[in-house]
Amino acid sequence: MENRVLDKYKVLVEFLAEVLGENSEVVLHDVNDFENSIVAIENGHISGRKVGDSLTDLALNVLKDQEKLESDYLTNYTGKTFDGKELKSSTYFIKEDGEVLGMLCINIDVSDYIEARDLINSFIGNQKNIEEKEENQNFAENFTSSIEELIDSMIESSIGNSKIPPARMTAEEKKEITKKLDDRGVFLLKNSVSKVAKKLHTSDATIYRYLND
């Protein structure tokens, strides 16, 4: 039943890609298969992904946070690929009887436009503001090809934000990071507990304890 629902959207993926052009990636996700969620994709050269690749960090966060699912879509948030492309992204939630079955995503590569804007601004004296904005930029979505890359990316970003190496963290600091990762949906993924434990220099049992506290 669920696959038949998503199958109806595959031709829409092709249509949107044809209309929007080669700088716009269009992706259809089956959210019931985290590891191989992409069931259709056009212009995959933008993110380097293909059919059979995994969900993104944003998708996991949305599935974890039911409040976000009360909306039918998210629009115009920022994304970033592994090779540094900046994307303007939007996602439509495919639902049946209130349950999210899939996500239809459009990711527009705006890197060239940003470069042109920054070049213009540098001539009119706003370079300092540009640098400050880039330094403080938080990307809502990071695009990875596999579950392993996704888990690593989410862990590294959370640890990096703490400014303290894991080996020097207190138990409370490790617990706080574990809770943040849980809020982002990391622990919906298989083998994530062991990966987080290894990164935080602790045991699987300790991570489970943090989650249950």
C-alpha atoms as a PDB file:
ATOM      1  CA  MET A   1       0.000   0.000   0.000  1.00  0.00           C
ATOM      2  CA  GLU A   2       2.675   2.462   1.022  1.00  0.00           C
ATOM      3  CA  ASN A   3       4.836   1.800  -2.046  1.00  0.00           C
ATOM      4  CA  ARG A   4       1.835   2.351  -4.331  1.00  0.00           C
ATOM      5  CA  VAL A   5       1.260   5.720  -2.683  1.00  0.00           C
ATOM      6  CA  LEU A   6       4.872   6.788  -3.268  1.00  0.00           C
ATOM      7  CA  ASP A   7       4.940   5.368  -6.795  1.00  0.00           C
ATOM      8  CA  LYS A   8       2.434   8.048  -7.815  1.00  0.00           C
ATOM      9  CA  TYR A   9       5.019  10.700  -6.978  1.00  0.00           C
ATOM     10  CA  LYS A  10       7.862   9.305  -9.088  1.00  0.00           C
ATOM     11  CA  VAL A  11       6.621  10.952 -12.271  1.00  0.00           C
ATOM     12  CA  LEU A  12       6.309  14.215 -10.314  1.00  0.00           C
ATOM     13  CA  VAL A  13      10.012  13.957  -9.453  1.00  0.00           C
ATOM     14  CA  GLU A  14      10.836  13.796 -13.165  1.00  0.00           C
ATOM     15  CA  PHE A  15       8.398  16.602 -13.988  1.00  0.00           C
ATOM     16  CA  LEU A  16       9.727  19.005 -11.355  1.00  0.00           C
ATOM     17  CA  ALA A  17      13.339  18.361 -12.352  1.00  0.00           C
ATOM     18  CA  GLU A  18      12.472  19.050 -15.987  1.00  0.00           C
ATOM     19  CA  VAL A  19      10.720  22.304 -15.088  1.00  0.00           C
ATOM     20  CA  LEU A  20      13.233  23.590 -12.531  1.00  0.00           C
ATOM     21  CA  GLY A  21      16.390  22.695 -14.460  1.00  0.00           C
ATOM     22  CA  GLU A  22      19.714  21.030 -13.779  1.00  0.00           C
ATOM     23  CA  ASN A  23      20.531  23.164 -10.728  1.00  0.00           C
ATOM     24  CA  SER A  24      17.547  21.714  -8.871  1.00  0.00           C
ATOM     25  CA  GLU A  25      17.725  18.255  -7.318  1.00  0.00           C
ATOM     26  CA  VAL A  26      14.367  16.548  -6.736  1.00  0.00           C
ATOM     27  CA  VAL A  27      14.250  13.589  -4.342  1.00  0.00           C
ATOM     28  CA  LEU A  28      11.571  11.157  -3.171  1.00  0.00           C
ATOM     29  CA  HIS A  29      12.163   9.437   0.197  1.00  0.00           C
ATOM     30  CA  ASP A  30      10.448   6.400   1.717  1.00  0.00           C
ATOM     31  CA  VAL A  31      10.670   7.143   5.452  1.00  0.00           C
ATOM     32  CA  ASN A  32      10.034   3.521   6.392  1.00  0.00           C
ATOM     33  CA  ASP A  33      13.529   2.593   5.191  1.00  0.00           C
ATOM     34  CA  PHE A  34      16.094   4.903   6.790  1.00  0.00           C
ATOM     35  CA  GLU A  35      19.128   3.217   5.232  1.00  0.00           C
ATOM     36  CA  ASN A  36      17.788   3.108   1.660  1.00  0.00           C
ATOM     37  CA  SER A  37      15.171   5.839   1.737  1.00  0.00           C
ATOM     38  CA  ILE A  38      15.740   7.402  -1.692  1.00  0.00           C
ATOM     39  CA  VAL A  39      13.355   5.735  -4.155  1.00  0.00           C
ATOM     40  CA  ALA A  40      13.623   8.358  -6.911  1.00  0.00           C
ATOM     41  CA  ILE A  41      16.030  11.203  -7.624  1.00  0.00           C
ATOM     42  CA  GLU A  42      16.739  13.571 -10.500  1.00  0.00           C
ATOM     43  CA  ASN A  43      19.839  15.771 -10.847  1.00  0.00           C
ATOM     44  CA  GLY A  44      21.588  13.780  -8.142  1.00  0.00           C
ATOM     45  CA  HIS A  45      24.900  15.314  -9.219  1.00  0.00           C
ATOM     46  CA  ILE A  46      24.069  18.219  -6.913  1.00  0.00           C
ATOM     47  CA  SER A  47      24.377  16.232  -3.679  1.00  0.00           C
ATOM     48  CA  GLY A  48      26.152  13.173  -5.093  1.00  0.00           C
ATOM     49  CA  ARG A  49      23.319  10.887  -3.995  1.00  0.00           C
ATOM     50  CA  LYS A  50      21.486   8.121  -5.825  1.00  0.00           C
ATOM     51  CA  VAL A  51      18.532   5.754  -5.466  1.00  0.00           C
ATOM     52  CA  GLY A  52      19.107   3.554  -2.414  1.00  0.00           C
ATOM     53  CA  ASP A  53      20.946   6.193  -0.367  1.00  0.00           C
ATOM     54  CA  SER A  54      19.872   7.214   3.130  1.00  0.00           C
ATOM     55  CA  LEU A  55      17.768   9.857   4.854  1.00  0.00           C
ATOM     56  CA  THR A  56      19.272  13.199   5.916  1.00  0.00           C
ATOM     57  CA  ASP A  57      19.758  14.586   9.407  1.00  0.00           C
ATOM     58  CA  LEU A  58      16.830  16.967   8.928  1.00  0.00           C
ATOM     59  CA  ALA A  59      14.507  14.119   7.939  1.00  0.00           C
ATOM     60  CA  LEU A  60      15.427  12.217  11.096  1.00  0.00           C
ATOM     61  CA  ASN A  61      14.868  15.303  13.225  1.00  0.00           C
ATOM     62  CA  VAL A  62      11.445  15.861  11.675  1.00  0.00           C
ATOM     63  CA  LEU A  63      10.416  12.245  12.263  1.00  0.00           C
ATOM     64  CA  LYS A  64      11.551  12.555  15.876  1.00  0.00           C
ATOM     65  CA  ASP A  65       9.741  15.868  16.457  1.00  0.00           C
ATOM     66  CA  GLN A  66       6.006  15.353  15.964  1.00  0.00           C
ATOM     67  CA  GLU A  67       5.329  19.100  16.121  1.00  0.00           C
ATOM     68  CA  LYS A  68       7.137  19.582  12.810  1.00  0.00           C
ATOM     69  CA  LEU A  69       4.913  16.927  11.226  1.00  0.00           C
ATOM     70  CA  GLU A  70       1.796  18.942  12.033  1.00  0.00           C
ATOM     71  CA  SER A  71       2.709  21.055   9.014  1.00  0.00           C
ATOM     72  CA  ASP A  72       2.378  19.669   5.495  1.00  0.00           C
ATOM     73  CA  TYR A  73       5.722  21.043   4.349  1.00  0.00           C
ATOM     74  CA  LEU A  74       8.907  22.947   5.209  1.00  0.00           C
ATOM     75  CA  THR A  75      10.203  25.596   2.818  1.00  0.00           C
ATOM     76  CA  ASN A  76      13.314  27.613   2.060  1.00  0.00           C
ATOM     77  CA  TYR A  77      15.704  26.259   4.668  1.00  0.00           C
ATOM     78  CA  THR A  78      19.445  25.950   4.088  1.00  0.00           C
ATOM     79  CA  GLY A  79      21.350  22.804   3.255  1.00  0.00           C
ATOM     80  CA  LYS A  80      24.965  21.914   2.604  1.00  0.00           C
ATOM     81  CA  THR A  81      26.515  19.047   0.660  1.00  0.00           C
ATOM     82  CA  PHE A  82      29.683  17.178   1.598  1.00  0.00           C
ATOM     83  CA  ASP A  83      31.637  19.060  -1.070  1.00  0.00           C
ATOM     84  CA  GLY A  84      30.481  22.452   0.200  1.00  0.00           C
ATOM     85  CA  LYS A  85      27.597  23.397  -2.093  1.00  0.00           C
ATOM     86  CA  GLU A  86      25.011  25.588  -0.398  1.00  0.00           C
ATOM     87  CA  LEU A  87      21.417  24.650  -1.141  1.00  0.00           C
ATOM     88  CA  LYS A  88      18.013  26.244  -0.750  1.00  0.00           C
ATOM     89  CA  SER A  89      15.752  23.363   0.203  1.00  0.00           C
ATOM     90  CA  SER A  90      12.074  22.578   0.680  1.00  0.00           C
ATOM     91  CA  THR A  91      10.279  19.376   1.713  1.00  0.00           C
ATOM     92  CA  TYR A  92       6.683  18.221   1.248  1.00  0.00           C
ATOM     93  CA  PHE A  93       5.446  15.501   3.617  1.00  0.00           C
ATOM     94  CA  ILE A  94       3.537  12.724   1.861  1.00  0.00           C
ATOM     95  CA  LYS A  95       0.868  11.540   4.282  1.00  0.00           C
ATOM     96  CA  GLU A  96      -1.890   8.952   4.406  1.00  0.00           C
ATOM     97  CA  ASP A  97      -4.409   9.001   7.254  1.00  0.00           C
ATOM     98  CA  GLY A  98      -2.131  11.416   9.112  1.00  0.00           C
ATOM     99  CA  GLU A  99       0.939   9.172   8.886  1.00  0.00           C
ATOM    100  CA  VAL A 100       4.026  10.354   7.023  1.00  0.00           C
ATOM    101  CA  LEU A 101       4.965   7.796   4.366  1.00  0.00           C
ATOM    102  CA  GLY A 102       7.453   9.809   2.373  1.00  0.00           C
ATOM    103  CA  MET A 103       9.086  13.146   1.672  1.00  0.00           C
ATOM    104  CA  LEU A 104       9.322  14.988  -1.632  1.00  0.00           C
ATOM    105  CA  CYS A 105      12.326  17.319  -1.518  1.00  0.00           C
ATOM    106  CA  ILE A 106      13.631  20.061  -3.794  1.00  0.00           C
ATOM    107  CA  ASN A 107      17.229  21.191  -3.302  1.00  0.00           C
ATOM    108  CA  ILE A 108      18.358  24.161  -5.383  1.00  0.00           C
ATOM    109  CA  ASP A 109      22.098  24.780  -5.730  1.00  0.00           C
ATOM    110  CA  VAL A 110      22.529  28.484  -4.948  1.00  0.00           C
ATOM    111  CA  SER A 111      26.322  28.411  -4.564  1.00  0.00           C
ATOM    112  CA  ASP A 112      26.944  30.449  -7.720  1.00  0.00           C
ATOM    113  CA  TYR A 113      24.409  33.081  -6.673  1.00  0.00           C
ATOM    114  CA  ILE A 114      25.988  33.360  -3.225  1.00  0.00           C
ATOM    115  CA  GLU A 115      29.431  33.719  -4.783  1.00  0.00           C
ATOM    116  CA  ALA A 116      28.145  36.453  -7.086  1.00  0.00           C
ATOM    117  CA  ARG A 117      26.434  38.231  -4.181  1.00  0.00           C
ATOM    118  CA  ASP A 118      29.587  38.087  -2.072  1.00  0.00           C
ATOM    119  CA  LEU A 119      31.661  39.424  -4.954  1.00  0.00           C
ATOM    120  CA  ILE A 120      29.318  42.374  -5.380  1.00  0.00           C
ATOM    121  CA  ASN A 121      29.194  43.048  -1.652  1.00  0.00           C
ATOM    122  CA  SER A 122      32.974  42.975  -1.424  1.00  0.00           C
ATOM    123  CA  PHE A 123      33.109  45.871  -3.872  1.00  0.00           C
ATOM    124  CA  ILE A 124      30.677  47.952  -1.840  1.00  0.00           C
ATOM    125  CA  GLY A 125      32.367  47.423   1.511  1.00  0.00           C
ATOM    126  CA  ASN A 126      30.311  44.694   3.197  1.00  0.00           C
ATOM    127  CA  GLN A 127      32.917  41.940   3.246  1.00  0.00           C
ATOM    128  CA  LYS A 128      33.197  41.975   7.053  1.00  0.00           C
ATOM    129  CA  ASN A 129      29.457  41.360   7.377  1.00  0.00           C
ATOM    130  CA  ILE A 130      29.666  38.502   4.885  1.00  0.00           C
ATOM    131  CA  GLU A 131      32.462  36.820   6.800  1.00  0.00           C
ATOM    132  CA  GLU A 132      30.587  37.168  10.092  1.00  0.00           C
ATOM    133  CA  LYS A 133      27.442  35.704   8.549  1.00  0.00           C
ATOM    134  CA  GLU A 134      29.319  32.735   7.109  1.00  0.00           C
ATOM    135  CA  GLU A 135      31.037  32.088  10.426  1.00  0.00           C
ATOM    136  CA  ASN A 136      27.683  31.983  12.217  1.00  0.00           C
ATOM    137  CA  GLN A 137      25.813  30.038   9.515  1.00  0.00           C
ATOM    138  CA  ASN A 138      23.952  26.988  10.818  1.00  0.00           C
ATOM    139  CA  PHE A 139      22.794  24.635   8.113  1.00  0.00           C
ATOM    140  CA  ALA A 140      19.404  23.047   8.686  1.00  0.00           C
ATOM    141  CA  GLU A 141      20.240  20.000   6.574  1.00  0.00           C
ATOM    142  CA  ASN A 142      23.442  18.171   5.674  1.00  0.00           C
ATOM    143  CA  PHE A 143      23.406  15.741   2.771  1.00  0.00           C
ATOM    144  CA  THR A 144      25.101  12.360   3.106  1.00  0.00           C
ATOM    145  CA  SER A 145      24.947   9.193   1.024  1.00  0.00           C
ATOM    146  CA  SER A 146      24.925   6.488   3.690  1.00  0.00           C
ATOM    147  CA  ILE A 147      23.713   5.847   7.216  1.00  0.00           C
ATOM    148  CA  GLU A 148      27.332   5.602   8.403  1.00  0.00           C
ATOM    149  CA  GLU A 149      28.157   9.045   6.980  1.00  0.00           C
ATOM    150  CA  LEU A 150      24.939  10.438   8.428  1.00  0.00           C
ATOM    151  CA  ILE A 151      25.640   9.187  11.949  1.00  0.00           C
ATOM    152  CA  ASP A 152      29.255  10.397  11.820  1.00  0.00           C
ATOM    153  CA  SER A 153      28.184  13.819  10.554  1.00  0.00           C
ATOM    154  CA  MET A 154      25.565  14.301  13.261  1.00  0.00           C
ATOM    155  CA  ILE A 155      27.901  13.154  16.028  1.00  0.00           C
ATOM    156  CA  GLU A 156      30.792  15.318  14.823  1.00  0.00           C
ATOM    157  CA  SER A 157      28.609  18.422  14.551  1.00  0.00           C
ATOM    158  CA  SER A 158      27.250  17.953  18.075  1.00  0.00           C
ATOM    159  CA  ILE A 159      30.685  17.306  19.567  1.00  0.00           C
ATOM    160  CA  GLY A 160      32.198  20.186  17.600  1.00  0.00           C
ATOM    161  CA  ASN A 161      29.643  22.618  19.004  1.00  0.00           C
ATOM    162  CA  SER A 162      30.706  21.756  22.558  1.00  0.00           C
ATOM    163  CA  LYS A 163      34.264  23.132  22.037  1.00  0.00           C
ATOM    164  CA  ILE A 164      35.593  20.443  24.423  1.00  0.00           C
ATOM    165  CA  PRO A 165      37.357  17.243  23.246  1.00  0.00           C
ATOM    166  CA  PRO A 166      35.349  14.136  24.286  1.00  0.00           C
ATOM    167  CA  ALA A 167      38.291  12.762  26.287  1.00  0.00           C
ATOM    168  CA  ARG A 168      38.108  15.826  28.554  1.00  0.00           C
ATOM    169  CA  MET A 169      34.329  15.981  28.906  1.00  0.00           C
ATOM    170  CA  THR A 170      32.604  15.391  32.202  1.00  0.00           C
ATOM    171  CA  ALA A 171      29.855  12.792  32.495  1.00  0.00           C
ATOM    172  CA  GLU A 172      27.286  15.586  32.529  1.00  0.00           C
ATOM    173  CA  GLU A 173      28.668  17.083  29.309  1.00  0.00           C
ATOM    174  CA  LYS A 174      28.574  13.689  27.595  1.00  0.00           C
ATOM    175  CA  LYS A 175      25.018  13.209  28.809  1.00  0.00           C
ATOM    176  CA  GLU A 176      24.024  16.599  27.392  1.00  0.00           C
ATOM    177  CA  ILE A 177      25.451  15.720  23.976  1.00  0.00           C
ATOM    178  CA  THR A 178      23.701  12.343  24.072  1.00  0.00           C
ATOM    179  CA  LYS A 179      20.388  14.070  24.799  1.00  0.00           C
ATOM    180  CA  LYS A 180      20.937  16.509  21.923  1.00  0.00           C
ATOM    181  CA  LEU A 181      21.674  13.628  19.558  1.00  0.00           C
ATOM    182  CA  ASP A 182      18.513  11.898  20.746  1.00  0.00           C
ATOM    183  CA  ASP A 183      16.494  15.048  20.039  1.00  0.00           C
ATOM    184  CA  ARG A 184      17.931  15.064  16.512  1.00  0.00           C
ATOM    185  CA  GLY A 185      16.831  11.467  15.929  1.00  0.00           C
ATOM    186  CA  VAL A 186      20.260   9.813  15.842  1.00  0.00           C
ATOM    187  CA  PHE A 187      19.152   6.886  17.972  1.00  0.00           C
ATOM    188  CA  LEU A 188      16.452   5.949  15.476  1.00  0.00           C
ATOM    189  CA  LEU A 189      19.327   4.460  13.464  1.00  0.00           C
ATOM    190  CA  LYS A 190      20.863   1.027  13.898  1.00  0.00           C
ATOM    191  CA  ASN A 191      24.313   0.825  15.542  1.00  0.00           C
ATOM    192  CA  SER A 192      24.146   4.494  16.537  1.00  0.00           C
ATOM    193  CA  VAL A 193      24.548   3.777  20.271  1.00  0.00           C
ATOM    194  CA  SER A 194      27.886   2.044  19.717  1.00  0.00           C
ATOM    195  CA  LYS A 195      29.110   4.793  17.405  1.00  0.00           C
ATOM    196  CA  VAL A 196      28.173   7.527  19.875  1.00  0.00           C
ATOM    197  CA  ALA A 197      29.764   5.600  22.754  1.00  0.00           C
ATOM    198  CA  LYS A 198      33.015   5.255  20.820  1.00  0.00           C
ATOM    199  CA  LYS A 199      33.109   8.962  19.907  1.00  0.00           C
ATOM    200  CA  LEU A 200      32.421   9.989  23.502  1.00  0.00           C
ATOM    201  CA  HIS A 201      34.988   7.570  24.956  1.00  0.00           C
ATOM    202  CA  THR A 202      32.403   5.690  26.990  1.00  0.00           C
ATOM    203  CA  SER A 203      30.396   2.447  26.912  1.00  0.00           C
ATOM    204  CA  ASP A 204      27.140   1.433  25.246  1.00  0.00           C
ATOM    205  CA  ALA A 205      25.638   0.854  28.697  1.00  0.00           C
ATOM    206  CA  THR A 206      26.479   4.410  29.740  1.00  0.00           C
ATOM    207  CA  ILE A 207      24.799   5.853  26.640  1.00  0.00           C
ATOM    208  CA  TYR A 208      21.667   3.812  27.372  1.00  0.00           C
ATOM    209  CA  ARG A 209      21.729   5.137  30.936  1.00  0.00           C
ATOM    210  CA  TYR A 210      21.981   8.725  29.704  1.00  0.00           C
ATOM    211  CA  LEU A 211      18.981   8.128  27.436  1.00  0.00           C
ATOM    212  CA  ASN A 212      16.895   6.668  30.243  1.00  0.00           C
ATOM    213  CA  ASP A 213      17.729   9.316  32.847  1.00  0.00           C
END
